[in-house]
Amino acid sequence: MAVFKNLDLQPGAETVDNKTVEKVRCLIIGSGPAGYTAAIYAARANLKPVLYTGMQMGGQLTTTTEVDNFPGYPDGITGPVMMEDLRRQAERFGAEIKFGTATEADFSGEKRRVTIDGSNLVDADVIIIATGATAKYLGIEAEQKYAGMGVSACATCDGFFYKQKDVAVVGGGDTAAEEATYLAGLCNKVYMIVRRNVLRASKAMQDIVGASDS
């Protein structure tokens, strides 16, 4: 009894319009925790996954100094080291990790085709998109200098390190309001820095922020 559909593509390459098309069974886009976890499971299922890292290998966690809320690390671990551990684990089971950024995708036909770095073509039976998110910084020099040492883009990740301290959240939308609300339960005082004299956040989030004592 056939339970699973056979995968059509076999790993290899072919040439289309003078371009080499890489053929893989399982393509994973993104190299954060989700991407590497997908690679581990796909490799253990003998799908021979190929993972393209994106511009920032390891994702946002590579910019985090201490990670204390990830299971399996009782003494904590730095973000870069944790992501290196996940990469090595994926490779141990046979996942192939490649540096490159997906710039275009075509899922309209039978073949699922992704363009890497604007020129390299990849056809896959299965595509797992694990691109995650990118923090929106202000673009000032001090952000890079003090990243992980007072400057953070994730209240849930790093809020604990600023317990009982005065902190500031830049922004007035829903995301900023949610981060400020979370920090209000940890920090002594939370300031919200906005460009206008009103918040852009939804009315519900504004009410929550306004009800906070911090």
N, C-alpha and C. Protein backbone atom coordinates (compact mmCIF):
# COMPACT_ATOMS: atom_id res chain seq x y z
N MET A 1 0.85 -1.19 0.00
CA MET A 1 0.00 0.00 0.00
C MET A 1 0.88 1.24 0.00
N ALA A 2 0.67 2.12 -0.97
CA ALA A 2 1.47 3.34 -1.10
C ALA A 2 0.88 4.42 -0.21
N VAL A 3 1.64 4.82 0.78
CA VAL A 3 1.16 5.85 1.69
C VAL A 3 1.64 7.22 1.26
N PHE A 4 2.89 7.31 0.83
CA PHE A 4 3.46 8.58 0.44
C PHE A 4 3.72 8.59 -1.07
N LYS A 5 3.53 9.75 -1.65
CA LYS A 5 3.82 9.92 -3.07
C LYS A 5 5.34 9.91 -3.27
N ASN A 6 5.79 9.19 -4.29
CA ASN A 6 7.21 9.16 -4.59
C ASN A 6 7.68 10.53 -5.05
N LEU A 7 8.87 10.92 -4.59
CA LEU A 7 9.44 12.17 -5.04
C LEU A 7 9.94 12.01 -6.46
N ASP A 8 9.65 13.05 -7.30
CA ASP A 8 9.94 12.94 -8.72
C ASP A 8 11.39 13.23 -9.06
N LEU A 9 11.98 14.18 -8.37
CA LEU A 9 13.31 14.62 -8.75
C LEU A 9 14.39 13.81 -8.06
N GLN A 10 15.44 13.56 -8.77
CA GLN A 10 16.63 12.96 -8.19
C GLN A 10 17.71 14.03 -8.17
N PRO A 11 18.50 14.08 -7.11
CA PRO A 11 19.55 15.09 -7.04
C PRO A 11 20.45 15.05 -8.26
N GLY A 12 20.84 16.21 -8.72
CA GLY A 12 21.68 16.31 -9.90
C GLY A 12 21.58 17.68 -10.51
N ALA A 13 21.79 17.77 -11.81
CA ALA A 13 21.72 19.06 -12.49
C ALA A 13 21.38 18.84 -13.95
N GLU A 14 20.78 19.87 -14.55
CA GLU A 14 20.52 19.86 -15.99
C GLU A 14 20.71 21.28 -16.49
N THR A 15 20.75 21.45 -17.80
CA THR A 15 20.96 22.76 -18.39
C THR A 15 19.69 23.21 -19.11
N VAL A 16 19.24 24.42 -18.78
CA VAL A 16 18.06 25.02 -19.41
C VAL A 16 18.43 26.43 -19.84
N ASP A 17 18.29 26.71 -21.16
CA ASP A 17 18.63 28.03 -21.70
C ASP A 17 20.04 28.46 -21.28
N ASN A 18 20.96 27.54 -21.40
CA ASN A 18 22.36 27.78 -21.08
C ASN A 18 22.60 28.06 -19.60
N LYS A 19 21.62 27.75 -18.77
CA LYS A 19 21.78 27.90 -17.33
C LYS A 19 21.71 26.53 -16.67
N THR A 20 22.59 26.32 -15.71
CA THR A 20 22.58 25.06 -14.97
C THR A 20 21.48 25.10 -13.92
N VAL A 21 20.63 24.07 -13.95
CA VAL A 21 19.55 23.96 -12.97
C VAL A 21 19.89 22.85 -11.99
N GLU A 22 20.04 23.21 -10.74
CA GLU A 22 20.30 22.23 -9.69
C GLU A 22 18.99 21.54 -9.33
N LYS A 23 18.99 20.23 -9.29
CA LYS A 23 17.77 19.47 -8.98
C LYS A 23 17.94 18.80 -7.62
N VAL A 24 17.06 19.13 -6.69
CA VAL A 24 17.14 18.58 -5.34
C VAL A 24 15.77 18.05 -4.93
N ARG A 25 15.77 17.18 -3.97
CA ARG A 25 14.50 16.63 -3.47
C ARG A 25 13.85 17.57 -2.48
N CYS A 26 14.65 18.15 -1.59
CA CYS A 26 14.11 19.03 -0.55
C CYS A 26 14.99 20.28 -0.46
N LEU A 27 14.39 21.44 -0.69
CA LEU A 27 15.10 22.72 -0.62
C LEU A 27 14.60 23.49 0.59
N ILE A 28 15.51 23.96 1.41
CA ILE A 28 15.16 24.75 2.58
C ILE A 28 15.76 26.14 2.42
N ILE A 29 14.94 27.16 2.59
CA ILE A 29 15.38 28.54 2.45
C ILE A 29 15.39 29.18 3.83
N GLY A 30 16.57 29.50 4.33
CA GLY A 30 16.68 30.11 5.64
C GLY A 30 17.51 29.27 6.58
N SER A 31 18.32 29.93 7.42
CA SER A 31 19.25 29.19 8.28
C SER A 31 19.14 29.60 9.74
N GLY A 32 17.95 30.02 10.14
CA GLY A 32 17.71 30.24 11.56
C GLY A 32 17.36 28.94 12.23
N PRO A 33 16.87 28.98 13.47
CA PRO A 33 16.50 27.75 14.17
C PRO A 33 15.48 26.90 13.41
N ALA A 34 14.50 27.56 12.78
CA ALA A 34 13.49 26.81 12.03
C ALA A 34 14.09 26.11 10.81
N GLY A 35 14.97 26.82 10.09
CA GLY A 35 15.60 26.23 8.91
C GLY A 35 16.47 25.04 9.25
N TYR A 36 17.30 25.19 10.28
CA TYR A 36 18.17 24.08 10.67
C TYR A 36 17.38 22.91 11.25
N THR A 37 16.31 23.21 11.99
CA THR A 37 15.47 22.14 12.51
C THR A 37 14.83 21.36 11.36
N ALA A 38 14.33 22.08 10.35
CA ALA A 38 13.77 21.42 9.17
C ALA A 38 14.82 20.56 8.49
N ALA A 39 16.04 21.07 8.41
CA ALA A 39 17.12 20.33 7.76
C ALA A 39 17.43 19.04 8.53
N ILE A 40 17.42 19.11 9.86
CA ILE A 40 17.69 17.92 10.66
C ILE A 40 16.63 16.85 10.40
N TYR A 41 15.36 17.24 10.45
CA TYR A 41 14.29 16.26 10.26
C TYR A 41 14.26 15.73 8.83
N ALA A 42 14.48 16.61 7.85
CA ALA A 42 14.46 16.18 6.45
C ALA A 42 15.62 15.23 6.17
N ALA A 43 16.79 15.54 6.73
CA ALA A 43 17.95 14.68 6.52
C ALA A 43 17.74 13.31 7.15
N ARG A 44 17.15 13.29 8.34
CA ARG A 44 16.90 12.02 9.00
C ARG A 44 15.84 11.19 8.26
N ALA A 45 15.01 11.88 7.47
CA ALA A 45 14.01 11.19 6.65
C ALA A 45 14.56 10.81 5.28
N ASN A 46 15.88 10.99 5.10
CA ASN A 46 16.57 10.63 3.86
C ASN A 46 16.08 11.44 2.66
N LEU A 47 15.70 12.70 2.89
CA LEU A 47 15.26 13.57 1.79
C LEU A 47 16.41 14.35 1.17
N LYS A 48 17.61 14.16 1.72
CA LYS A 48 18.82 14.82 1.19
C LYS A 48 18.59 16.33 1.02
N PRO A 49 18.25 17.03 2.08
CA PRO A 49 17.93 18.46 1.96
C PRO A 49 19.14 19.32 1.61
N VAL A 50 18.87 20.35 0.84
CA VAL A 50 19.85 21.39 0.54
C VAL A 50 19.32 22.69 1.15
N LEU A 51 20.09 23.31 2.00
CA LEU A 51 19.67 24.53 2.68
C LEU A 51 20.49 25.71 2.19
N TYR A 52 19.79 26.76 1.76
CA TYR A 52 20.46 28.02 1.41
C TYR A 52 20.29 28.98 2.58
N THR A 53 21.39 29.57 3.01
CA THR A 53 21.43 30.28 4.29
C THR A 53 20.74 31.63 4.30
N GLY A 54 20.69 32.32 3.14
CA GLY A 54 20.28 33.71 3.16
C GLY A 54 21.47 34.59 3.48
N MET A 55 21.22 35.90 3.57
CA MET A 55 22.32 36.85 3.75
C MET A 55 22.99 36.71 5.11
N GLN A 56 22.21 36.34 6.14
CA GLN A 56 22.76 36.24 7.49
C GLN A 56 22.71 34.80 7.95
N MET A 57 23.80 34.09 7.77
CA MET A 57 23.85 32.69 8.17
C MET A 57 23.59 32.56 9.67
N GLY A 58 22.61 31.76 10.02
CA GLY A 58 22.26 31.59 11.42
C GLY A 58 21.13 32.48 11.88
N GLY A 59 20.73 33.45 11.06
CA GLY A 59 19.60 34.30 11.39
C GLY A 59 19.87 35.30 12.50
N GLN A 60 18.79 35.84 13.06
CA GLN A 60 18.90 36.90 14.05
C GLN A 60 19.63 36.47 15.32
N LEU A 61 19.57 35.19 15.63
CA LEU A 61 20.20 34.74 16.88
C LEU A 61 21.71 34.94 16.87
N THR A 62 22.29 35.08 15.69
CA THR A 62 23.74 35.31 15.64
C THR A 62 24.11 36.69 16.17
N THR A 63 23.12 37.57 16.34
CA THR A 63 23.39 38.90 16.88
C THR A 63 23.08 38.97 18.37
N THR A 64 22.70 37.85 18.98
CA THR A 64 22.35 37.81 20.39
C THR A 64 23.51 37.26 21.21
N THR A 65 23.84 37.93 22.29
CA THR A 65 24.97 37.48 23.10
C THR A 65 24.61 36.26 23.93
N GLU A 66 23.64 36.39 24.82
CA GLU A 66 23.29 35.29 25.71
C GLU A 66 21.88 34.78 25.42
N VAL A 67 21.73 33.47 25.30
CA VAL A 67 20.42 32.83 25.12
C VAL A 67 20.20 31.93 26.33
N ASP A 68 19.20 32.28 27.14
CA ASP A 68 18.93 31.52 28.36
C ASP A 68 17.60 30.77 28.32
N ASN A 69 16.80 31.01 27.28
CA ASN A 69 15.45 30.44 27.26
C ASN A 69 15.25 29.37 26.20
N PHE A 70 16.36 28.77 25.74
CA PHE A 70 16.26 27.69 24.76
C PHE A 70 16.53 26.37 25.47
N PRO A 71 15.62 25.39 25.36
CA PRO A 71 15.81 24.12 26.09
C PRO A 71 17.12 23.43 25.70
N GLY A 72 17.71 22.78 26.68
CA GLY A 72 18.90 21.98 26.42
C GLY A 72 20.20 22.67 26.78
N TYR A 73 20.14 23.93 27.18
CA TYR A 73 21.35 24.67 27.56
C TYR A 73 21.16 25.22 28.97
N PRO A 74 21.34 24.38 30.00
CA PRO A 74 21.06 24.81 31.38
C PRO A 74 21.92 25.97 31.85
N ASP A 75 23.10 26.13 31.28
CA ASP A 75 23.99 27.21 31.68
C ASP A 75 23.93 28.39 30.71
N GLY A 76 22.99 28.34 29.76
CA GLY A 76 22.92 29.39 28.75
C GLY A 76 23.95 29.19 27.66
N ILE A 77 23.82 29.95 26.59
CA ILE A 77 24.74 29.83 25.46
C ILE A 77 24.64 31.10 24.63
N THR A 78 25.67 31.42 23.91
CA THR A 78 25.59 32.58 23.02
C THR A 78 24.86 32.20 21.74
N GLY A 79 24.22 33.18 21.13
CA GLY A 79 23.49 32.92 19.90
C GLY A 79 24.34 32.32 18.80
N PRO A 80 25.50 32.89 18.49
CA PRO A 80 26.34 32.33 17.43
C PRO A 80 26.75 30.88 17.68
N VAL A 81 27.10 30.55 18.93
CA VAL A 81 27.51 29.18 19.24
C VAL A 81 26.33 28.23 19.10
N MET A 82 25.15 28.65 19.54
CA MET A 82 23.97 27.79 19.41
C MET A 82 23.65 27.50 17.95
N MET A 83 23.73 28.52 17.11
CA MET A 83 23.43 28.32 15.69
C MET A 83 24.48 27.45 15.02
N GLU A 84 25.72 27.55 15.47
CA GLU A 84 26.78 26.67 14.95
C GLU A 84 26.50 25.23 15.34
N ASP A 85 26.00 25.02 16.57
CA ASP A 85 25.64 23.67 17.00
C ASP A 85 24.53 23.10 16.12
N LEU A 86 23.52 23.91 15.84
CA LEU A 86 22.41 23.44 15.00
C LEU A 86 22.89 23.12 13.59
N ARG A 87 23.78 23.95 13.05
CA ARG A 87 24.31 23.70 11.71
C ARG A 87 25.07 22.38 11.67
N ARG A 88 25.92 22.16 12.66
CA ARG A 88 26.71 20.92 12.70
C ARG A 88 25.81 19.71 12.85
N GLN A 89 24.73 19.84 13.63
CA GLN A 89 23.82 18.72 13.80
C GLN A 89 23.12 18.39 12.49
N ALA A 90 22.71 19.43 11.75
CA ALA A 90 22.06 19.19 10.46
C ALA A 90 23.02 18.51 9.49
N GLU A 91 24.27 18.97 9.47
CA GLU A 91 25.26 18.39 8.56
C GLU A 91 25.60 16.96 8.96
N ARG A 92 25.54 16.66 10.25
CA ARG A 92 25.85 15.30 10.70
C ARG A 92 24.91 14.27 10.10
N PHE A 93 23.67 14.68 9.82
CA PHE A 93 22.69 13.77 9.24
C PHE A 93 22.66 13.85 7.71
N GLY A 94 23.52 14.67 7.13
CA GLY A 94 23.63 14.69 5.68
C GLY A 94 23.04 15.91 4.99
N ALA A 95 22.57 16.90 5.73
CA ALA A 95 22.06 18.11 5.09
C ALA A 95 23.22 18.87 4.45
N GLU A 96 22.96 19.44 3.29
CA GLU A 96 23.98 20.22 2.59
C GLU A 96 23.67 21.70 2.78
N ILE A 97 24.60 22.43 3.37
CA ILE A 97 24.41 23.84 3.68
C ILE A 97 25.17 24.67 2.64
N LYS A 98 24.46 25.59 1.99
CA LYS A 98 25.08 26.45 0.98
C LYS A 98 24.78 27.91 1.27
N PHE A 99 25.75 28.77 1.00
CA PHE A 99 25.54 30.20 1.19
C PHE A 99 24.90 30.78 -0.07
N GLY A 100 23.80 31.48 0.10
CA GLY A 100 23.11 32.09 -1.03
C GLY A 100 21.76 32.62 -0.59
N THR A 101 21.21 33.54 -1.37
CA THR A 101 19.94 34.18 -1.02
C THR A 101 18.92 33.92 -2.12
N ALA A 102 17.74 33.47 -1.73
CA ALA A 102 16.66 33.27 -2.70
C ALA A 102 16.15 34.64 -3.15
N THR A 103 16.19 34.90 -4.44
CA THR A 103 15.78 36.20 -4.98
C THR A 103 14.51 36.13 -5.82
N GLU A 104 14.10 34.92 -6.19
CA GLU A 104 12.89 34.78 -7.01
C GLU A 104 12.38 33.35 -6.88
N ALA A 105 11.06 33.19 -6.99
CA ALA A 105 10.46 31.86 -6.90
C ALA A 105 9.32 31.73 -7.89
N ASP A 106 9.18 30.54 -8.47
CA ASP A 106 8.09 30.26 -9.40
C ASP A 106 7.47 28.92 -9.00
N PHE A 107 6.27 28.99 -8.41
CA PHE A 107 5.58 27.78 -7.98
C PHE A 107 4.35 27.52 -8.86
N SER A 108 4.30 28.14 -10.03
CA SER A 108 3.10 28.06 -10.87
C SER A 108 3.01 26.74 -11.65
N GLY A 109 4.13 26.13 -11.94
CA GLY A 109 4.12 24.90 -12.73
C GLY A 109 4.32 23.67 -11.88
N GLU A 110 4.53 22.55 -12.55
CA GLU A 110 4.79 21.30 -11.84
C GLU A 110 6.12 21.35 -11.10
N LYS A 111 7.07 22.03 -11.71
CA LYS A 111 8.38 22.17 -11.08
C LYS A 111 8.37 23.41 -10.18
N ARG A 112 8.83 23.23 -8.96
CA ARG A 112 8.97 24.36 -8.05
C ARG A 112 10.39 24.88 -8.19
N ARG A 113 10.50 26.07 -8.73
CA ARG A 113 11.82 26.60 -9.08
C ARG A 113 12.12 27.86 -8.27
N VAL A 114 13.33 27.90 -7.74
CA VAL A 114 13.79 29.06 -6.97
C VAL A 114 15.09 29.56 -7.58
N THR A 115 15.20 30.88 -7.69
CA THR A 115 16.43 31.49 -8.19
C THR A 115 17.26 31.96 -7.01
N ILE A 116 18.51 31.58 -7.00
CA ILE A 116 19.44 31.94 -5.94
C ILE A 116 20.40 33.00 -6.45
N ASP A 117 20.50 34.09 -5.70
CA ASP A 117 21.44 35.18 -6.03
C ASP A 117 21.23 35.73 -7.44
N GLY A 118 19.99 35.67 -7.91
CA GLY A 118 19.65 36.28 -9.18
C GLY A 118 20.02 35.49 -10.42
N SER A 119 20.70 34.35 -10.26
CA SER A 119 21.16 33.64 -11.45
C SER A 119 21.10 32.12 -11.34
N ASN A 120 21.36 31.56 -10.19
CA ASN A 120 21.41 30.10 -10.04
C ASN A 120 19.99 29.54 -9.86
N LEU A 121 19.63 28.55 -10.66
CA LEU A 121 18.30 27.98 -10.62
C LEU A 121 18.30 26.66 -9.85
N VAL A 122 17.27 26.48 -9.02
CA VAL A 122 17.13 25.25 -8.24
C VAL A 122 15.70 24.74 -8.39
N ASP A 123 15.54 23.49 -8.83
CA ASP A 123 14.24 22.83 -8.89
C ASP A 123 14.14 21.84 -7.73
N ALA A 124 12.99 21.82 -7.08
CA ALA A 124 12.83 20.94 -5.92
C ALA A 124 11.42 20.37 -5.87
N ASP A 125 11.31 19.15 -5.36
CA ASP A 125 10.00 18.57 -5.11
C ASP A 125 9.34 19.23 -3.91
N VAL A 126 10.15 19.47 -2.89
CA VAL A 126 9.65 20.04 -1.64
C VAL A 126 10.46 21.28 -1.31
N ILE A 127 9.76 22.37 -1.00
CA ILE A 127 10.45 23.60 -0.59
C ILE A 127 9.92 24.03 0.77
N ILE A 128 10.83 24.20 1.70
CA ILE A 128 10.47 24.68 3.04
C ILE A 128 11.00 26.10 3.18
N ILE A 129 10.08 27.04 3.40
CA ILE A 129 10.47 28.45 3.54
C ILE A 129 10.56 28.78 5.02
N ALA A 130 11.76 29.07 5.48
CA ALA A 130 12.00 29.37 6.89
C ALA A 130 12.85 30.63 6.99
N THR A 131 12.34 31.70 6.38
CA THR A 131 13.13 32.92 6.25
C THR A 131 13.10 33.79 7.50
N GLY A 132 12.17 33.51 8.43
CA GLY A 132 12.16 34.25 9.69
C GLY A 132 11.86 35.73 9.49
N ALA A 133 12.43 36.55 10.34
CA ALA A 133 12.19 37.98 10.31
C ALA A 133 13.50 38.73 10.47
N THR A 134 13.48 39.99 10.10
CA THR A 134 14.66 40.84 10.24
C THR A 134 14.29 42.06 11.07
N ALA A 135 15.08 42.32 12.09
CA ALA A 135 14.81 43.46 12.95
C ALA A 135 14.99 44.76 12.18
N LYS A 136 14.16 45.74 12.48
CA LYS A 136 14.25 47.05 11.84
C LYS A 136 14.97 47.99 12.78
N TYR A 137 16.22 48.28 12.49
CA TYR A 137 17.02 49.15 13.32
C TYR A 137 16.92 50.60 12.85
N LEU A 138 17.46 51.51 13.66
CA LEU A 138 17.41 52.94 13.32
C LEU A 138 18.45 53.30 12.26
N GLY A 139 19.53 52.53 12.22
CA GLY A 139 20.57 52.82 11.24
C GLY A 139 21.66 53.74 11.77
N ILE A 140 21.77 53.88 13.08
CA ILE A 140 22.81 54.73 13.64
C ILE A 140 24.01 53.88 14.06
N GLU A 141 25.18 54.50 14.08
CA GLU A 141 26.43 53.76 14.30
C GLU A 141 26.46 53.05 15.65
N ALA A 142 25.92 53.69 16.68
CA ALA A 142 26.00 53.13 18.03
C ALA A 142 25.24 51.81 18.16
N GLU A 143 24.26 51.59 17.29
CA GLU A 143 23.49 50.33 17.37
C GLU A 143 24.39 49.12 17.18
N GLN A 144 25.26 49.20 16.21
CA GLN A 144 26.17 48.09 15.95
C GLN A 144 27.21 47.97 17.06
N LYS A 145 27.67 49.10 17.56
CA LYS A 145 28.70 49.11 18.60
C LYS A 145 28.20 48.46 19.88
N TYR A 146 26.92 48.72 20.23
CA TYR A 146 26.40 48.25 21.51
C TYR A 146 25.39 47.11 21.35
N ALA A 147 25.36 46.50 20.18
CA ALA A 147 24.45 45.36 19.97
C ALA A 147 24.77 44.25 20.96
N GLY A 148 23.75 43.81 21.69
CA GLY A 148 23.96 42.78 22.70
C GLY A 148 24.53 43.31 24.00
N MET A 149 24.81 44.59 24.05
CA MET A 149 25.37 45.20 25.27
C MET A 149 24.55 46.44 25.64
N GLY A 150 23.24 46.30 25.54
CA GLY A 150 22.36 47.42 25.85
C GLY A 150 21.40 47.72 24.72
N VAL A 151 21.74 47.32 23.51
CA VAL A 151 20.86 47.49 22.36
C VAL A 151 20.35 46.12 21.93
N SER A 152 19.03 45.99 21.83
CA SER A 152 18.42 44.70 21.49
C SER A 152 17.24 44.93 20.57
N ALA A 153 16.90 43.90 19.80
CA ALA A 153 15.73 43.97 18.92
C ALA A 153 14.67 42.95 19.34
N CYS A 154 14.81 42.39 20.54
CA CYS A 154 13.88 41.37 20.99
C CYS A 154 13.70 41.45 22.50
N ALA A 155 12.58 42.01 22.93
CA ALA A 155 12.32 42.14 24.37
C ALA A 155 12.18 40.78 25.03
N THR A 156 11.50 39.84 24.36
CA THR A 156 11.31 38.51 24.93
C THR A 156 12.64 37.80 25.11
N CYS A 157 13.54 37.99 24.14
CA CYS A 157 14.85 37.32 24.21
C CYS A 157 15.74 37.91 25.29
N ASP A 158 15.78 39.24 25.36
CA ASP A 158 16.80 39.91 26.16
C ASP A 158 16.26 40.71 27.34
N GLY A 159 14.94 40.79 27.48
CA GLY A 159 14.37 41.61 28.53
C GLY A 159 14.86 41.25 29.92
N PHE A 160 15.08 39.98 30.18
CA PHE A 160 15.51 39.52 31.50
C PHE A 160 16.79 40.21 31.95
N PHE A 161 17.68 40.51 31.00
CA PHE A 161 18.97 41.10 31.35
C PHE A 161 18.84 42.54 31.82
N TYR A 162 17.67 43.14 31.63
CA TYR A 162 17.46 44.54 32.02
C TYR A 162 16.43 44.65 33.14
N LYS A 163 16.32 43.59 33.90
CA LYS A 163 15.37 43.57 35.01
C LYS A 163 15.68 44.67 36.00
N GLN A 164 14.61 45.39 36.39
CA GLN A 164 14.69 46.50 37.35
C GLN A 164 15.53 47.68 36.85
N LYS A 165 15.73 47.77 35.55
CA LYS A 165 16.46 48.90 34.97
C LYS A 165 15.49 49.79 34.20
N ASP A 166 15.93 51.00 33.87
CA ASP A 166 15.15 51.89 33.02
C ASP A 166 15.52 51.61 31.56
N VAL A 167 14.52 51.38 30.73
CA VAL A 167 14.76 51.05 29.32
C VAL A 167 13.91 51.93 28.42
N ALA A 168 14.24 51.93 27.15
CA ALA A 168 13.47 52.69 26.15
C ALA A 168 13.16 51.81 24.96
N VAL A 169 11.97 51.95 24.42
CA VAL A 169 11.54 51.26 23.21
C VAL A 169 11.31 52.31 22.13
N VAL A 170 11.95 52.14 20.98
CA VAL A 170 11.79 53.09 19.89
C VAL A 170 10.70 52.60 18.95
N GLY A 171 9.67 53.40 18.77
CA GLY A 171 8.56 53.03 17.89
C GLY A 171 7.23 53.21 18.58
N GLY A 172 6.19 53.37 17.77
CA GLY A 172 4.86 53.59 18.34
C GLY A 172 3.79 52.70 17.76
N GLY A 173 4.20 51.65 17.04
CA GLY A 173 3.23 50.72 16.45
C GLY A 173 2.90 49.58 17.39
N ASP A 174 2.17 48.60 16.85
CA ASP A 174 1.76 47.46 17.68
C ASP A 174 2.95 46.68 18.22
N THR A 175 3.97 46.47 17.37
CA THR A 175 5.13 45.71 17.82
C THR A 175 5.83 46.40 18.98
N ALA A 176 6.04 47.71 18.85
CA ALA A 176 6.69 48.47 19.92
C ALA A 176 5.85 48.44 21.19
N ALA A 177 4.53 48.54 21.04
CA ALA A 177 3.64 48.51 22.19
C ALA A 177 3.68 47.15 22.89
N GLU A 178 3.73 46.09 22.12
CA GLU A 178 3.81 44.75 22.70
C GLU A 178 5.13 44.56 23.45
N GLU A 179 6.23 45.03 22.84
CA GLU A 179 7.53 44.91 23.49
C GLU A 179 7.56 45.73 24.80
N ALA A 180 7.01 46.94 24.74
CA ALA A 180 6.98 47.79 25.93
C ALA A 180 6.13 47.16 27.03
N THR A 181 5.02 46.56 26.65
CA THR A 181 4.16 45.91 27.64
C THR A 181 4.86 44.74 28.31
N TYR A 182 5.59 43.97 27.53
CA TYR A 182 6.35 42.85 28.10
C TYR A 182 7.42 43.36 29.06
N LEU A 183 8.14 44.40 28.64
CA LEU A 183 9.22 44.93 29.47
C LEU A 183 8.69 45.58 30.74
N ALA A 184 7.46 46.07 30.68
CA ALA A 184 6.88 46.72 31.86
C ALA A 184 6.77 45.75 33.04
N GLY A 185 6.68 44.47 32.75
CA GLY A 185 6.61 43.47 33.82
C GLY A 185 7.96 43.13 34.40
N LEU A 186 9.04 43.62 33.79
CA LEU A 186 10.38 43.30 34.24
C LEU A 186 11.17 44.51 34.70
N CYS A 187 10.98 45.61 34.00
CA CYS A 187 11.85 46.76 34.18
C CYS A 187 11.26 47.79 35.14
N ASN A 188 12.14 48.65 35.64
CA ASN A 188 11.73 49.70 36.56
C ASN A 188 10.88 50.75 35.85
N LYS A 189 11.35 51.19 34.69
CA LYS A 189 10.65 52.21 33.92
C LYS A 189 10.84 51.94 32.44
N VAL A 190 9.76 52.08 31.68
CA VAL A 190 9.83 51.86 30.23
C VAL A 190 9.40 53.13 29.51
N TYR A 191 10.28 53.67 28.70
CA TYR A 191 9.96 54.85 27.91
C TYR A 191 9.70 54.42 26.47
N MET A 192 8.69 55.01 25.85
CA MET A 192 8.44 54.79 24.43
C MET A 192 8.79 56.05 23.66
N ILE A 193 9.73 55.92 22.73
CA ILE A 193 10.19 57.06 21.93
C ILE A 193 9.50 57.01 20.58
N VAL A 194 8.66 58.00 20.30
CA VAL A 194 7.87 58.03 19.07
C VAL A 194 8.12 59.34 18.32
N ARG A 195 7.86 59.33 17.03
CA ARG A 195 8.11 60.51 16.21
C ARG A 195 7.02 61.57 16.37
N ARG A 196 5.82 61.13 16.72
CA ARG A 196 4.71 62.07 16.87
C ARG A 196 4.21 62.04 18.30
N ASN A 197 3.20 62.83 18.56
CA ASN A 197 2.68 62.87 19.92
C ASN A 197 1.54 61.87 20.14
N VAL A 198 1.41 60.92 19.22
CA VAL A 198 0.41 59.86 19.34
C VAL A 198 1.04 58.54 18.95
N LEU A 199 0.44 57.45 19.41
CA LEU A 199 0.90 56.12 19.03
C LEU A 199 0.17 55.66 17.77
N ARG A 200 0.88 54.91 16.94
CA ARG A 200 0.26 54.32 15.75
C ARG A 200 -0.37 52.97 16.06
N ALA A 201 -0.12 52.47 17.25
CA ALA A 201 -0.63 51.15 17.63
C ALA A 201 -2.15 51.13 17.64
N SER A 202 -2.70 49.93 17.56
CA SER A 202 -4.15 49.79 17.60
C SER A 202 -4.69 50.29 18.93
N LYS A 203 -5.98 50.63 18.95
CA LYS A 203 -6.60 51.17 20.16
C LYS A 203 -6.46 50.18 21.31
N ALA A 204 -6.60 48.90 21.02
CA ALA A 204 -6.49 47.89 22.08
C ALA A 204 -5.10 47.91 22.70
N MET A 205 -4.07 48.01 21.87
CA MET A 205 -2.70 48.03 22.39
C MET A 205 -2.42 49.34 23.12
N GLN A 206 -2.98 50.43 22.64
CA GLN A 206 -2.79 51.70 23.34
C GLN A 206 -3.39 51.65 24.74
N ASP A 207 -4.54 51.01 24.86
CA ASP A 207 -5.18 50.91 26.17
C ASP A 207 -4.33 50.07 27.13
N ILE A 208 -3.72 49.01 26.59
CA ILE A 208 -2.88 48.15 27.43
C ILE A 208 -1.66 48.93 27.91
N VAL A 209 -1.03 49.66 26.98
CA VAL A 209 0.15 50.46 27.34
C VAL A 209 -0.23 51.52 28.37
N GLY A 210 -1.36 52.17 28.15
CA GLY A 210 -1.79 53.23 29.06
C GLY A 210 -2.12 52.75 30.45
N ALA A 211 -2.49 51.48 30.56
CA ALA A 211 -2.86 50.93 31.86
C ALA A 211 -1.65 50.46 32.66
N SER A 212 -0.50 50.45 32.05
CA SER A 212 0.71 49.98 32.73
C SER A 212 1.21 51.02 33.72
N ASP A 213 1.73 50.55 34.84
CA ASP A 213 2.28 51.44 35.85
C ASP A 213 3.70 51.88 35.51
N SER A 214 4.33 51.18 34.58
CA SER A 214 5.74 51.49 34.26
C SER A 214 5.85 52.48 33.12
